[in-house]
Amino acid sequence: MTGTNTSGKDTNASDASDTSASSQQDSSSSSSHHHSSSSSKVTKAALTDAITVANTKYTSAVEGTDVGQYAVGSKAIFKAAIDAAQVVANNAASKQTDIDSAVTALATATTTFDNSSNKEDSNAGVSTSYLEDYREQYHYSVASGWANDPNGMVYFNGEWHLFYQYYPDGVAWGPMHWAQAVSTDLVHWKELGIAIEPGDVNPGDGKKYIFSGSAVVDTNNTSGFFDGIEGGGLVAIYTQHLENPRTEQQAIAYSTDNGRTWIKPTLTAERKNLVLSAAEDPLNRAADFRDPKIVYMEDTKEWIMVTAGGPLRIFSSTDLKTWKPEAMQPEITTECPDIFKLEVGNTGTYKWVLSEGGRYYRVGDLKKVDGVWKFVPDNDERLVMNFSKDSYAAQTYYGTGENGTPDGRRIMINWMNNWDYCQSIGKITNTFNGQFTLQMN
């Protein structure tokens, strides 16, 4: 077995915490010196020097060269003063009074900025604070690196778990991991870092990326992973993606500690933690066999998996480890599928909804037809789920209550970006590139 540990990192937007704990008094005194000199006029060259020092201080705070906390207002005031001073320095027609005013404003803003540092409440190791330019304030976004599709969303033991596709070493798409954040209210989130990472790579394998999937609460220990643990634990099933040649297979991991540590079990020496190999895809399309979504059928005590990345496939299991093929439905093509049951108004009648990446959906029934589980649409109508360009790969939360939530709501979240331009956004945001829609129900 192999385990992956995560470390806590609070990126609560309302706390507005993190960055720069080191004092930068030298730069502050530099700006003050230029302003207070009464024996000579402040030149543009001196103003430019002061701007350079101030910019270094500001960049250090925003990007995390220093570690600490600054008030939101002081950062905004400081940045505005820097920009205003730069305008004066760049303007060939600037008068001496303009230069003096710019230096005075910059020195005042620097002092305000320095005095706003809360050195008693620094958060060592956290490099951002929801104060970066373009950082979403109400939507969940990553503190650093790249993020895309939401994965494995689940409600368990009083916490909402949001997993997502993540690349820690850049702001464009790269080798995929699962990262994780948790919340108790769906508004304030705490990042827990990488949950499941690529690994166990043998020569010639290619890179085993961790692609999309889902997580469930195995309350009754059907998997056998949670012996002696009341209430069971979390099981994740995700796509293991290999390059050269492109191959997609389904793998499993589990957590006995509320998602803080994940274990990839060795099911057999040959399979390792694979639950569905490429050879077990009845459609024989190993390059497009991904995004497993798991639901539990209370009536028959079976787990149902839908996968796509192309044609829809359905599998069933009683233990989450051994899966048998059910209906293969090439007439439905999508990726990032989700499937869930909703009541029709207050009629007591329920219908199943098949979400196609959050862009479209179909309404019908999930039932056995000729001895196999199949999604049977009510008609050929493919309905629009949302009209937003920046809204994709939608998933809903899984849990043990009605609709997987404590209050019976079906709650969905989307990746808030678009493949047409997402790779270019990091050139603007610099240190982070990944955000999600507000929770919808």
Protein backbone atom coordinates (compact mmCIF):
# COMPACT_ATOMS: atom_id res chain seq x y z
CA MET A 1 0.00 0.00 0.00
CA THR A 2 1.10 3.55 -0.60
CA GLY A 3 -0.13 6.58 1.29
CA THR A 4 -0.22 10.28 0.51
CA ASN A 5 -0.28 12.82 3.33
CA THR A 6 -1.77 16.29 3.09
CA SER A 7 -0.99 19.43 5.04
CA GLY A 8 -3.52 22.04 6.11
CA LYS A 9 -3.48 25.51 4.62
CA ASP A 10 -6.27 28.00 5.29
CA THR A 11 -7.33 30.07 2.28
CA ASN A 12 -10.55 31.41 3.81
CA ALA A 13 -11.46 34.45 1.75
CA SER A 14 -13.15 36.27 4.61
CA ASP A 15 -10.08 35.87 6.81
CA ALA A 16 -7.96 37.59 4.15
CA SER A 17 -4.92 36.02 5.71
CA ASP A 18 -1.40 35.12 4.65
CA THR A 19 1.76 36.78 3.19
CA SER A 20 4.71 38.81 4.46
CA ALA A 21 5.82 38.72 8.11
CA SER A 22 9.27 40.24 7.70
CA SER A 23 9.67 43.93 8.44
CA GLN A 24 10.96 46.03 5.54
CA GLN A 25 11.92 49.18 7.36
CA ASP A 26 14.81 49.96 5.01
CA SER A 27 12.50 50.59 2.08
CA SER A 28 10.13 52.62 4.24
CA SER A 29 12.94 54.84 5.47
CA SER A 30 14.19 55.19 1.90
CA SER A 31 10.90 56.72 0.78
CA SER A 32 10.76 58.91 3.88
CA HIS A 33 14.30 60.10 3.27
CA HIS A 34 13.49 61.34 -0.21
CA HIS A 35 10.47 63.20 1.12
CA SER A 36 12.05 64.77 4.17
CA SER A 37 15.15 66.20 2.58
CA SER A 38 14.92 69.98 2.87
CA SER A 39 18.35 70.79 1.50
CA SER A 40 17.66 69.65 -2.08
CA LYS A 41 14.79 69.00 -4.43
CA VAL A 42 13.55 65.48 -4.97
CA THR A 43 14.49 64.42 -8.49
CA LYS A 44 12.65 62.08 -10.80
CA ALA A 45 15.53 59.64 -10.44
CA ALA A 46 14.98 59.59 -6.67
CA LEU A 47 11.26 59.13 -7.18
CA THR A 48 11.97 56.20 -9.52
CA ASP A 49 14.24 54.65 -6.88
CA ALA A 50 11.49 54.97 -4.26
CA ILE A 51 8.98 53.36 -6.64
CA THR A 52 11.36 50.44 -7.22
CA VAL A 53 11.73 49.87 -3.49
CA ALA A 54 7.96 50.11 -2.95
CA ASN A 55 7.25 47.72 -5.82
CA THR A 56 9.67 45.19 -4.36
CA LYS A 57 7.90 45.41 -1.02
CA TYR A 58 4.46 45.07 -2.58
CA THR A 59 5.43 42.16 -4.83
CA SER A 60 7.06 40.43 -1.87
CA ALA A 61 3.85 40.66 0.13
CA VAL A 62 1.57 39.54 -2.67
CA GLU A 63 3.68 36.69 -4.03
CA GLY A 64 4.91 35.43 -0.70
CA THR A 65 8.66 36.20 -0.63
CA ASP A 66 7.90 37.37 2.89
CA VAL A 67 5.35 35.68 5.12
CA GLY A 68 2.80 37.44 7.28
CA GLN A 69 -0.47 39.33 7.20
CA TYR A 70 -1.46 42.70 5.85
CA ALA A 71 -4.80 44.44 6.01
CA VAL A 72 -6.74 44.50 2.75
CA GLY A 73 -7.09 48.28 2.70
CA SER A 74 -3.40 48.95 3.21
CA LYS A 75 -2.44 46.83 0.22
CA ALA A 76 -4.94 48.62 -2.00
CA ILE A 77 -3.76 52.05 -0.83
CA PHE A 78 -0.12 51.04 -1.27
CA LYS A 79 -0.66 49.76 -4.82
CA ALA A 80 -2.62 52.87 -5.79
CA ALA A 81 0.15 55.15 -4.47
CA ILE A 82 2.80 53.16 -6.38
CA ASP A 83 0.81 53.38 -9.62
CA ALA A 84 0.16 57.11 -9.15
CA ALA A 85 3.84 57.78 -8.48
CA GLN A 86 4.75 55.83 -11.62
CA VAL A 87 2.46 58.04 -13.70
CA VAL A 88 4.29 61.13 -12.40
CA ALA A 89 7.70 59.57 -13.06
CA ASN A 90 6.72 58.65 -16.62
CA ASN A 91 5.27 62.07 -17.45
CA ALA A 92 7.87 64.35 -19.00
CA ALA A 93 5.69 67.37 -18.15
CA SER A 94 5.51 66.61 -14.41
CA LYS A 95 6.31 69.64 -12.25
CA GLN A 96 8.33 69.71 -9.04
CA THR A 97 5.11 69.97 -7.02
CA ASP A 98 3.85 66.79 -8.73
CA ILE A 99 7.04 64.93 -7.82
CA ASP A 100 6.92 66.18 -4.22
CA SER A 101 3.27 65.15 -3.87
CA ALA A 102 3.97 61.70 -5.33
CA VAL A 103 6.83 61.10 -2.91
CA THR A 104 4.72 62.27 0.03
CA ALA A 105 1.81 60.00 -0.92
CA LEU A 106 4.15 57.07 -1.47
CA ALA A 107 5.87 57.55 1.88
CA THR A 108 2.51 57.79 3.67
CA ALA A 109 1.20 54.65 1.93
CA THR A 110 4.42 52.79 2.77
CA THR A 111 4.08 53.69 6.44
CA THR A 112 0.42 52.60 6.45
CA PHE A 113 1.40 49.37 4.75
CA ASP A 114 4.22 48.61 7.21
CA ASN A 115 2.05 49.40 10.22
CA SER A 116 -0.69 47.07 8.96
CA SER A 117 1.54 44.01 9.22
CA ASN A 118 0.22 41.73 11.95
CA LYS A 119 3.42 39.98 12.95
CA GLU A 120 1.74 38.16 15.82
CA ASP A 121 -0.65 36.38 13.48
CA SER A 122 1.63 35.33 10.67
CA ASN A 123 0.92 32.07 8.90
CA ALA A 124 4.30 30.67 7.97
CA GLY A 125 4.41 28.92 4.64
CA VAL A 126 1.25 30.46 3.21
CA SER A 127 2.10 32.70 0.31
CA THR A 128 -1.23 34.23 -0.74
CA SER A 129 -4.15 35.94 0.90
CA TYR A 130 -6.98 36.41 -1.60
CA LEU A 131 -5.47 39.87 -2.16
CA GLU A 132 -3.75 39.17 -5.47
CA ASP A 133 -4.93 41.02 -8.53
CA TYR A 134 -7.84 39.14 -10.18
CA ARG A 135 -8.24 36.68 -7.27
CA GLU A 136 -11.90 35.76 -6.74
CA GLN A 137 -13.24 36.83 -3.35
CA TYR A 138 -16.45 34.79 -3.07
CA HIS A 139 -15.66 31.89 -5.36
CA TYR A 140 -13.28 29.17 -4.25
CA SER A 141 -9.91 29.47 -5.98
CA VAL A 142 -6.53 27.84 -5.44
CA ALA A 143 -3.79 29.67 -3.58
CA SER A 144 -1.18 28.66 -6.15
CA GLY A 145 -0.76 26.44 -9.18
CA TRP A 146 -3.37 25.24 -11.66
CA ALA A 147 -6.83 23.73 -11.01
CA ASN A 148 -9.60 22.50 -13.26
CA ASP A 149 -12.43 19.93 -12.97
CA PRO A 150 -14.06 19.40 -9.55
CA ASN A 151 -13.79 15.77 -8.41
CA GLY A 152 -14.87 13.52 -5.56
CA MET A 153 -17.20 15.98 -3.91
CA VAL A 154 -18.67 14.45 -0.78
CA TYR A 155 -20.29 15.42 2.54
CA PHE A 156 -18.92 13.44 5.48
CA ASN A 157 -18.73 13.96 9.26
CA GLY A 158 -19.83 17.59 9.12
CA GLU A 159 -17.47 18.64 6.33
CA TRP A 160 -17.94 19.37 2.65
CA HIS A 161 -15.01 17.94 0.70
CA LEU A 162 -14.09 19.49 -2.65
CA PHE A 163 -11.43 17.64 -4.62
CA TYR A 164 -10.25 18.92 -7.98
CA GLN A 165 -7.74 18.43 -10.77
CA TYR A 166 -4.52 20.14 -9.72
CA TYR A 167 -1.01 20.83 -10.98
CA PRO A 168 1.20 22.28 -8.23
CA ASP A 169 4.22 23.28 -10.32
CA GLY A 170 2.77 25.78 -12.77
CA VAL A 171 -0.20 27.91 -13.78
CA ALA A 172 -1.00 25.97 -16.96
CA TRP A 173 -2.27 22.40 -17.24
CA GLY A 174 0.30 19.77 -16.28
CA PRO A 175 0.55 16.26 -14.74
CA MET A 176 -2.70 15.95 -12.83
CA HIS A 177 -3.09 15.36 -9.09
CA TRP A 178 -6.13 15.49 -6.84
CA ALA A 179 -6.00 18.42 -4.42
CA GLN A 180 -8.54 19.01 -1.66
CA ALA A 181 -10.33 21.74 0.28
CA VAL A 182 -12.88 21.37 3.07
CA SER A 183 -15.64 23.61 4.40
CA THR A 184 -18.34 23.50 7.04
CA ASP A 185 -20.57 26.07 5.32
CA LEU A 186 -19.72 25.99 1.57
CA VAL A 187 -18.45 29.58 1.84
CA HIS A 188 -15.22 29.46 3.85
CA TRP A 189 -12.71 26.89 2.61
CA LYS A 190 -9.50 25.41 3.99
CA GLU A 191 -7.02 23.97 1.54
CA LEU A 192 -5.54 20.62 2.51
CA GLY A 193 -3.05 20.39 -0.34
CA ILE A 194 -2.52 17.33 -2.52
CA ALA A 195 -4.72 14.35 -1.66
CA ILE A 196 -3.81 11.81 -4.36
CA GLU A 197 -0.73 12.16 -6.53
CA PRO A 198 0.72 10.31 -9.52
CA GLY A 199 3.05 7.51 -8.55
CA ASP A 200 4.18 3.92 -8.98
CA VAL A 201 5.58 4.70 -12.40
CA ASN A 202 7.55 1.86 -13.98
CA PRO A 203 9.93 2.31 -16.94
CA GLY A 204 7.85 2.45 -20.10
CA ASP A 205 4.58 3.11 -18.27
CA GLY A 206 4.37 6.75 -19.17
CA LYS A 207 3.07 9.15 -16.54
CA LYS A 208 0.18 7.96 -14.40
CA TYR A 209 -1.82 11.15 -14.10
CA ILE A 210 -4.72 11.28 -11.63
CA PHE A 211 -7.71 12.29 -13.76
CA SER A 212 -11.30 12.96 -12.71
CA GLY A 213 -13.47 10.68 -10.62
CA SER A 214 -15.73 10.63 -7.57
CA ALA A 215 -15.76 9.81 -3.87
CA VAL A 216 -18.39 8.04 -1.79
CA VAL A 217 -19.08 7.29 1.87
CA ASP A 218 -18.80 3.53 2.41
CA THR A 219 -21.01 3.55 5.49
CA ASN A 220 -21.53 -0.21 5.65
CA ASN A 221 -17.91 -1.12 4.87
CA THR A 222 -18.82 -2.93 1.66
CA SER A 223 -15.20 -2.50 0.54
CA GLY A 224 -13.69 -4.07 3.65
CA PHE A 225 -11.38 -1.07 4.05
CA PHE A 226 -12.98 0.14 7.30
CA ASP A 227 -13.06 -2.79 9.69
CA GLY A 228 -13.78 -1.57 13.22
CA ILE A 229 -14.52 2.00 12.10
CA GLU A 230 -18.05 3.09 12.94
CA GLY A 231 -19.67 4.95 10.07
CA GLY A 232 -17.13 3.70 7.54
CA GLY A 233 -14.92 6.06 5.56
CA LEU A 234 -14.28 7.65 2.18
CA VAL A 235 -13.54 5.75 -1.02
CA ALA A 236 -12.37 7.50 -4.19
CA ILE A 237 -12.45 5.99 -7.66
CA TYR A 238 -10.64 7.99 -10.31
CA THR A 239 -9.15 7.64 -13.76
CA GLN A 240 -5.49 6.68 -13.98
CA HIS A 241 -4.31 8.26 -17.22
CA LEU A 242 -1.13 7.07 -18.95
CA GLU A 243 0.63 8.66 -21.89
CA ASN A 244 2.55 6.86 -24.65
CA PRO A 245 0.30 5.18 -25.52
CA ARG A 246 -2.69 7.06 -24.17
CA THR A 247 -4.53 4.67 -21.85
CA GLU A 248 -7.26 5.35 -19.29
CA GLN A 249 -8.18 2.97 -16.47
CA GLN A 250 -10.10 3.24 -13.19
CA ALA A 251 -8.24 3.09 -9.87
CA ILE A 252 -9.23 3.19 -6.20
CA ALA A 253 -7.99 4.85 -3.00
CA TYR A 254 -9.50 5.19 0.46
CA SER A 255 -9.23 7.31 3.59
CA THR A 256 -9.85 6.35 7.22
CA ASP A 257 -9.21 9.84 8.64
CA ASN A 258 -11.78 12.17 7.05
CA GLY A 259 -9.82 12.56 3.84
CA ARG A 260 -6.58 13.79 5.36
CA THR A 261 -4.58 10.74 4.23
CA TRP A 262 -5.30 8.55 1.21
CA ILE A 263 -4.16 4.98 0.65
CA LYS A 264 -3.85 3.21 -2.70
CA PRO A 265 -4.54 -0.43 -1.82
CA THR A 266 -2.83 -3.31 -3.58
CA LEU A 267 -5.78 -5.43 -4.70
CA THR A 268 -3.53 -7.97 -6.43
CA ALA A 269 0.13 -7.88 -7.39
CA GLU A 270 -0.81 -7.49 -11.03
CA ARG A 271 -3.68 -5.01 -10.71
CA LYS A 272 -2.24 -2.95 -7.86
CA ASN A 273 -5.08 -0.47 -7.19
CA LEU A 274 -6.89 -0.79 -10.52
CA VAL A 275 -10.58 -1.71 -10.39
CA LEU A 276 -11.18 -1.50 -14.16
CA SER A 277 -8.32 -1.97 -16.58
CA ALA A 278 -8.32 -0.83 -20.18
CA ALA A 279 -8.84 -4.45 -21.21
CA GLU A 280 -12.08 -4.50 -19.22
CA ASP A 281 -13.69 -1.73 -21.26
CA PRO A 282 -16.33 -3.55 -23.35
CA LEU A 283 -16.17 -0.80 -25.96
CA ASN A 284 -12.40 -1.23 -26.32
CA ARG A 285 -11.74 2.51 -26.30
CA ALA A 286 -8.91 2.74 -23.80
CA ALA A 287 -7.96 6.27 -24.83
CA ASP A 288 -11.40 7.61 -23.86
CA PHE A 289 -12.48 5.71 -20.75
CA ARG A 290 -12.63 8.11 -17.83
CA ASP A 291 -14.45 10.22 -15.24
CA PRO A 292 -16.18 7.54 -13.09
CA LYS A 293 -19.17 8.72 -11.06
CA ILE A 294 -20.44 6.38 -8.33
CA VAL A 295 -23.92 6.17 -6.77
CA TYR A 296 -25.44 3.64 -4.37
CA MET A 297 -28.73 1.86 -5.09
CA GLU A 298 -30.38 1.34 -1.72
CA ASP A 299 -33.01 -1.08 -3.03
CA THR A 300 -30.57 -3.59 -4.52
CA LYS A 301 -27.54 -2.82 -2.33
CA GLU A 302 -25.34 -2.19 -5.37
CA TRP A 303 -22.90 0.49 -6.39
CA ILE A 304 -23.42 1.89 -9.89
CA MET A 305 -20.61 3.54 -11.87
CA VAL A 306 -21.07 5.65 -14.99
CA THR A 307 -18.00 6.49 -17.07
CA ALA A 308 -17.61 8.33 -20.35
CA GLY A 309 -14.88 10.39 -22.02
CA GLY A 310 -16.81 9.35 -25.09
CA PRO A 311 -19.65 6.79 -25.04
CA LEU A 312 -21.51 6.26 -21.77
CA ARG A 313 -20.74 2.99 -19.98
CA ILE A 314 -22.41 1.61 -16.85
CA PHE A 315 -20.89 -0.86 -14.36
CA SER A 316 -22.08 -2.36 -11.07
CA SER A 317 -20.39 -3.65 -7.91
CA THR A 318 -21.20 -4.82 -4.41
CA ASP A 319 -17.79 -3.99 -2.90
CA LEU A 320 -16.40 -1.03 -4.92
CA LYS A 321 -13.44 -3.21 -5.97
CA THR A 322 -14.89 -5.71 -8.42
CA TRP A 323 -17.03 -4.32 -11.21
CA LYS A 324 -19.10 -5.97 -13.92
CA PRO A 325 -20.26 -4.32 -17.13
CA GLU A 326 -23.89 -3.35 -17.51
CA ALA A 327 -25.31 -1.28 -20.39
CA MET A 328 -22.98 0.23 -22.98
CA GLN A 329 -24.69 3.30 -24.45
CA PRO A 330 -22.74 4.74 -27.39
CA GLU A 331 -25.79 6.81 -28.35
CA ILE A 332 -24.92 9.08 -25.38
CA THR A 333 -21.51 10.73 -25.69
CA THR A 334 -20.08 13.03 -23.03
CA GLU A 335 -17.35 13.45 -20.44
CA CYS A 336 -17.48 14.28 -16.72
CA PRO A 337 -20.87 12.53 -16.31
CA ASP A 338 -22.93 12.84 -13.16
CA ILE A 339 -26.11 10.92 -12.35
CA PHE A 340 -28.55 11.56 -9.52
CA LYS A 341 -32.20 11.18 -8.54
CA LEU A 342 -34.54 14.13 -7.95
CA GLU A 343 -38.14 14.39 -6.90
CA VAL A 344 -40.52 15.82 -9.50
CA GLY A 345 -41.95 18.76 -7.57
CA ASN A 346 -43.63 17.45 -4.43
CA THR A 347 -45.30 14.53 -6.18
CA GLY A 348 -43.38 11.71 -4.54
CA THR A 349 -42.30 10.64 -8.02
CA TYR A 350 -38.58 10.54 -8.73
CA LYS A 351 -36.60 10.82 -11.93
CA TRP A 352 -32.92 10.31 -12.68
CA VAL A 353 -30.88 13.14 -14.17
CA LEU A 354 -27.81 12.45 -16.32
CA SER A 355 -25.59 15.51 -16.41
CA GLU A 356 -23.26 15.77 -19.40
CA GLY A 357 -20.40 17.82 -18.00
CA GLY A 358 -22.83 20.39 -16.63
CA ARG A 359 -23.52 21.72 -20.13
CA TYR A 360 -26.50 19.52 -20.95
CA TYR A 361 -28.68 17.00 -19.17
CA ARG A 362 -31.22 14.28 -19.85
CA VAL A 363 -34.12 13.14 -17.68
CA GLY A 364 -35.13 9.50 -17.41
CA ASP A 365 -34.79 6.36 -15.31
CA LEU A 366 -31.87 4.26 -14.14
CA LYS A 367 -33.24 0.76 -14.17
CA LYS A 368 -32.63 -2.78 -15.31
CA VAL A 369 -33.51 -3.55 -18.91
CA ASP A 370 -33.05 -7.11 -20.13
CA GLY A 371 -31.08 -7.88 -17.00
CA VAL A 372 -28.60 -4.98 -17.14
CA TRP A 373 -28.58 -1.52 -15.57
CA LYS A 374 -29.32 1.15 -18.15
CA PHE A 375 -30.10 4.85 -18.24
CA VAL A 376 -33.37 5.19 -20.15
CA PRO A 377 -34.16 8.78 -21.20
CA ASP A 378 -37.81 9.84 -21.20
CA ASN A 379 -37.30 11.14 -24.74
CA ASP A 380 -34.57 12.29 -27.11
CA GLU A 381 -34.49 15.78 -25.61
CA ARG A 382 -31.03 16.98 -24.54
CA LEU A 383 -31.65 19.98 -22.30
CA VAL A 384 -29.31 22.90 -21.67
CA MET A 385 -28.11 22.91 -18.05
CA ASN A 386 -26.36 26.28 -18.11
CA PHE A 387 -25.61 29.02 -20.62
CA SER A 388 -22.30 30.21 -19.17
CA LYS A 389 -19.13 29.90 -21.21
CA ASP A 390 -17.04 29.70 -18.02
CA SER A 391 -18.84 26.76 -16.45
CA TYR A 392 -17.86 23.18 -17.12
CA ALA A 393 -17.25 19.69 -15.65
CA ALA A 394 -20.08 20.03 -13.11
CA GLN A 395 -20.36 17.56 -10.25
CA THR A 396 -22.69 17.20 -7.27
CA TYR A 397 -21.89 16.18 -3.69
CA TYR A 398 -22.28 12.62 -2.52
CA GLY A 399 -23.35 11.79 1.03
CA THR A 400 -25.48 9.47 3.10
CA GLY A 401 -28.51 11.76 3.49
CA GLU A 402 -31.15 12.57 0.89
CA ASN A 403 -29.37 13.97 -2.17
CA GLY A 404 -26.10 13.49 -0.32
CA THR A 405 -26.61 16.53 1.91
CA PRO A 406 -27.78 17.14 5.50
CA ASP A 407 -30.81 19.17 4.38
CA GLY A 408 -31.77 17.24 1.24
CA ARG A 409 -30.53 19.73 -1.34
CA ARG A 410 -28.71 18.53 -4.46
CA ILE A 411 -25.68 20.85 -4.65
CA MET A 412 -23.51 21.30 -7.73
CA ILE A 413 -20.28 23.13 -8.52
CA ASN A 414 -18.48 23.76 -11.85
CA TRP A 415 -14.97 24.62 -12.94
CA MET A 416 -15.20 28.33 -13.76
CA ASN A 417 -13.08 28.53 -16.88
CA ASN A 418 -13.00 27.47 -20.51
CA TRP A 419 -10.53 25.41 -22.54
CA ASP A 420 -10.57 28.08 -25.26
CA TYR A 421 -8.40 30.41 -23.17
CA CYS A 422 -7.70 28.91 -19.73
CA GLN A 423 -4.05 28.16 -20.55
CA SER A 424 -3.38 31.88 -21.10
CA ILE A 425 -4.88 33.19 -17.85
CA GLY A 426 -1.79 32.32 -15.81
CA LYS A 427 0.18 34.88 -17.81
CA ILE A 428 -2.01 37.51 -16.16
CA THR A 429 -2.58 36.06 -12.68
CA ASN A 430 1.06 34.85 -12.40
CA THR A 431 0.86 32.67 -9.27
CA PHE A 432 -2.52 30.93 -9.52
CA ASN A 433 -4.99 29.76 -12.16
CA GLY A 434 -8.03 27.87 -11.01
CA GLN A 435 -11.44 28.87 -9.69
CA PHE A 436 -14.91 27.40 -9.30
CA THR A 437 -18.47 28.61 -9.53
CA LEU A 438 -20.59 29.37 -6.51
CA GLN A 439 -22.47 26.38 -5.14
CA MET A 440 -25.77 25.79 -6.92
CA ASN A 441 -28.77 23.72 -5.88
